[in-house]
Amino acid sequence: MSRLFPLLVGLMLLGGCASPYHYDVDPTPLKKGVTHYRLKDVQVNLTLGHGAIPGDTTFAPEQQLHKEFVDALTDALKTKGILAAPGDNDVAEVVASIDFERTFNIGGHALNKPILSDLVKIEQNGQQLASFGHGKYTTKYSYFEDLAVNAKIAVFQWGAEDEPRDVKLVAESIVNDIAALGK
């Protein structure tokens, strides 16, 4: 047992050092903070969680949610200064797939935080350069903002007008990961 403990500690430390990114080309041509990106394809897969009211049109349909994600990802890339200009040729392209499960509060007229997962691939000239993804997660705002969001959820006040905030937060998180790609 005494020999096993240092081995387990070492494995845990190495696990913490592993990069969340998978690079398909070594060395990667991606340069952190320098490479510019263009959205090539964004897929949003909306599922309705327990409590959805059949036929309810209160909440954004999948097409609108897709547009909100494309706009939020574009804005976040622009804010980070890594959005490619329309005429740029030698840029990396982002292919993103986002699974968005809309979760409802009791009664189906208010929302809980969504359950998400995503997979992002970075390509250039038809070749995949890198990828990363996140398994099931939910939105997490800054400490006090998260308390306020949770309070709104608790009193059934988190609704359709608040969902774009979740979309923006998820898009910013994805773009932060994209900006950290490279060496």
Protein backbone atom coordinates (compact mmCIF):
# COMPACT_ATOMS: atom_id res chain seq x y z
CA MET A 1 0.00 0.00 0.00
CA SER A 2 2.83 2.41 0.80
CA ARG A 3 4.21 2.02 -2.76
CA LEU A 4 0.81 2.47 -4.35
CA PHE A 5 0.11 5.86 -2.74
CA PRO A 6 2.95 7.80 -4.47
CA LEU A 7 1.97 6.24 -7.79
CA LEU A 8 -1.65 7.35 -7.40
CA VAL A 9 -0.60 10.87 -6.42
CA GLY A 10 1.71 11.03 -9.44
CA LEU A 11 -1.05 9.90 -11.79
CA MET A 12 -3.44 12.50 -10.38
CA LEU A 13 -0.85 15.25 -10.88
CA LEU A 14 -0.15 14.15 -14.44
CA GLY A 15 -3.88 14.05 -15.15
CA GLY A 16 -4.14 17.68 -14.07
CA CYS A 17 -1.36 18.64 -16.49
CA ALA A 18 -3.02 17.09 -19.53
CA SER A 19 -4.14 19.57 -22.15
CA PRO A 20 -7.87 19.76 -22.82
CA TYR A 21 -6.98 20.13 -26.51
CA HIS A 22 -6.20 17.43 -29.02
CA TYR A 23 -3.73 18.54 -31.68
CA ASP A 24 -3.87 16.61 -34.96
CA VAL A 25 -0.81 18.32 -36.46
CA ASP A 26 2.49 18.47 -34.58
CA PRO A 27 3.84 21.05 -34.29
CA THR A 28 0.57 22.90 -34.50
CA PRO A 29 0.44 25.90 -36.83
CA LEU A 30 -2.01 27.55 -34.42
CA LYS A 31 -0.55 30.45 -32.49
CA LYS A 32 -2.17 31.50 -29.23
CA GLY A 33 -3.60 35.01 -29.55
CA VAL A 34 -2.33 35.38 -33.14
CA THR A 35 -4.27 32.94 -35.30
CA HIS A 36 -7.51 34.34 -36.69
CA TYR A 37 -10.65 32.23 -36.98
CA ARG A 38 -13.75 32.10 -39.13
CA LEU A 39 -16.92 30.18 -38.32
CA LYS A 40 -17.28 27.45 -40.92
CA ASP A 41 -20.15 25.46 -39.46
CA VAL A 42 -22.15 25.69 -36.25
CA GLN A 43 -24.67 23.00 -35.42
CA VAL A 44 -27.06 23.42 -32.53
CA ASN A 45 -29.05 20.42 -31.42
CA LEU A 46 -31.94 21.51 -29.21
CA THR A 47 -33.73 19.00 -27.02
CA LEU A 48 -36.54 19.78 -24.65
CA GLY A 49 -36.14 18.43 -21.15
CA HIS A 50 -38.77 17.24 -18.74
CA GLY A 51 -41.64 19.66 -18.24
CA ALA A 52 -41.81 21.03 -21.79
CA ILE A 53 -45.31 21.98 -22.87
CA PRO A 54 -46.11 20.48 -26.31
CA GLY A 55 -46.78 23.21 -28.88
CA ASP A 56 -45.56 26.03 -26.60
CA THR A 57 -43.98 28.78 -28.71
CA THR A 58 -42.76 30.88 -25.77
CA PHE A 59 -39.16 29.77 -26.19
CA ALA A 60 -36.82 30.10 -29.17
CA PRO A 61 -37.02 27.31 -31.75
CA GLU A 62 -33.83 25.52 -32.82
CA GLN A 63 -33.29 27.83 -35.84
CA GLN A 64 -33.41 30.94 -33.67
CA LEU A 65 -31.15 29.35 -31.05
CA HIS A 66 -28.71 28.50 -33.87
CA LYS A 67 -28.68 32.14 -35.02
CA GLU A 68 -28.15 33.33 -31.44
CA PHE A 69 -25.14 31.00 -31.09
CA VAL A 70 -23.63 32.07 -34.43
CA ASP A 71 -24.03 35.74 -33.49
CA ALA A 72 -22.66 35.20 -29.96
CA LEU A 73 -19.66 33.19 -31.20
CA THR A 74 -18.91 35.83 -33.84
CA ASP A 75 -19.16 38.64 -31.27
CA ALA A 76 -16.92 36.76 -28.83
CA LEU A 77 -14.29 36.09 -31.53
CA LYS A 78 -14.40 39.78 -32.45
CA THR A 79 -14.09 40.87 -28.80
CA LYS A 80 -11.05 38.59 -28.36
CA GLY A 81 -9.51 40.11 -31.50
CA ILE A 82 -9.25 36.75 -33.29
CA LEU A 83 -12.11 37.03 -35.80
CA ALA A 84 -10.83 36.75 -39.36
CA ALA A 85 -11.64 39.61 -41.72
CA PRO A 86 -13.95 38.71 -44.62
CA GLY A 87 -11.12 38.74 -47.21
CA ASP A 88 -8.55 36.79 -45.18
CA ASN A 89 -7.52 33.54 -46.85
CA ASP A 90 -5.05 31.85 -44.52
CA VAL A 91 -7.27 31.50 -41.45
CA ALA A 92 -8.38 28.64 -39.26
CA GLU A 93 -12.00 27.57 -39.49
CA VAL A 94 -14.22 26.63 -36.57
CA VAL A 95 -16.64 23.73 -36.80
CA ALA A 96 -18.77 23.58 -33.66
CA SER A 97 -21.49 21.23 -32.52
CA ILE A 98 -23.47 22.25 -29.46
CA ASP A 99 -26.04 20.05 -27.75
CA PHE A 100 -28.45 22.28 -25.83
CA GLU A 101 -31.03 20.70 -23.55
CA ARG A 102 -33.60 23.23 -22.46
CA THR A 103 -34.63 22.36 -18.94
CA PHE A 104 -37.89 23.59 -17.52
CA ASN A 105 -38.95 24.59 -14.06
CA ILE A 106 -42.10 23.04 -12.61
CA GLY A 107 -45.04 23.85 -14.86
CA GLY A 108 -42.99 24.42 -18.01
CA HIS A 109 -43.42 28.20 -18.12
CA ALA A 110 -40.00 29.06 -16.65
CA LEU A 111 -36.52 27.70 -17.24
CA ASN A 112 -33.73 26.13 -15.25
CA LYS A 113 -30.15 26.35 -16.48
CA PRO A 114 -29.61 24.41 -19.71
CA ILE A 115 -27.60 21.19 -19.90
CA LEU A 116 -24.96 21.44 -22.60
CA SER A 117 -22.16 19.57 -24.30
CA ASP A 118 -19.98 20.75 -27.17
CA LEU A 119 -17.37 19.59 -29.63
CA VAL A 120 -15.21 22.10 -31.49
CA LYS A 121 -12.88 21.25 -34.37
CA ILE A 122 -10.39 23.63 -35.91
CA GLU A 123 -9.57 23.16 -39.59
CA GLN A 124 -7.38 24.86 -42.15
CA ASN A 125 -7.26 24.16 -45.87
CA GLY A 126 -9.41 21.06 -45.37
CA GLN A 127 -7.16 19.57 -42.69
CA GLN A 128 -8.21 19.17 -39.06
CA LEU A 129 -5.65 20.88 -36.81
CA ALA A 130 -7.13 20.55 -33.34
CA SER A 131 -10.25 19.74 -31.37
CA PHE A 132 -11.67 20.04 -27.89
CA GLY A 133 -14.97 19.43 -26.24
CA HIS A 134 -16.85 19.44 -22.99
CA GLY A 135 -19.18 16.76 -21.68
CA LYS A 136 -22.40 17.57 -19.90
CA TYR A 137 -22.21 20.90 -18.09
CA THR A 138 -24.39 23.85 -17.27
CA THR A 139 -23.87 27.58 -17.23
CA LYS A 140 -21.88 29.09 -14.37
CA TYR A 141 -21.84 32.83 -14.00
CA SER A 142 -19.55 34.85 -11.75
CA TYR A 143 -20.25 34.27 -8.06
CA PHE A 144 -22.77 37.03 -7.30
CA GLU A 145 -24.36 36.88 -10.75
CA ASP A 146 -24.82 33.11 -10.37
CA LEU A 147 -26.54 33.69 -7.02
CA ALA A 148 -28.91 36.15 -8.69
CA VAL A 149 -29.64 33.74 -11.58
CA ASN A 150 -30.29 30.89 -9.16
CA ALA A 151 -32.64 33.14 -7.15
CA LYS A 152 -34.59 33.99 -10.33
CA ILE A 153 -34.81 30.29 -11.15
CA ALA A 154 -36.02 29.49 -7.62
CA VAL A 155 -38.94 31.91 -7.98
CA PHE A 156 -39.80 30.84 -11.56
CA GLN A 157 -38.58 34.10 -13.11
CA TRP A 158 -35.84 32.76 -15.43
CA GLY A 159 -37.57 32.72 -18.81
CA ALA A 160 -37.27 32.99 -22.56
CA GLU A 161 -35.84 36.52 -22.34
CA ASP A 162 -32.96 35.19 -20.20
CA GLU A 163 -31.93 32.31 -22.45
CA PRO A 164 -29.77 34.54 -24.72
CA ARG A 165 -27.63 35.29 -21.61
CA ASP A 166 -26.94 31.56 -21.32
CA VAL A 167 -26.11 31.40 -25.04
CA LYS A 168 -23.70 34.34 -24.74
CA LEU A 169 -21.98 32.81 -21.70
CA VAL A 170 -21.50 29.46 -23.46
CA ALA A 171 -20.21 31.17 -26.63
CA GLU A 172 -17.70 33.23 -24.62
CA SER A 173 -16.47 30.09 -22.88
CA ILE A 174 -15.98 28.28 -26.21
CA VAL A 175 -14.15 31.26 -27.68
CA ASN A 176 -11.89 31.49 -24.60
CA ASP A 177 -10.88 27.90 -25.34
CA ILE A 178 -10.32 28.71 -29.02
CA ALA A 179 -8.16 31.71 -28.09
CA ALA A 180 -6.03 29.48 -25.84
CA LEU A 181 -5.27 27.04 -28.68
CA GLY A 182 -1.75 26.90 -30.01
CA LYS A 183 1.73 27.39 -28.73
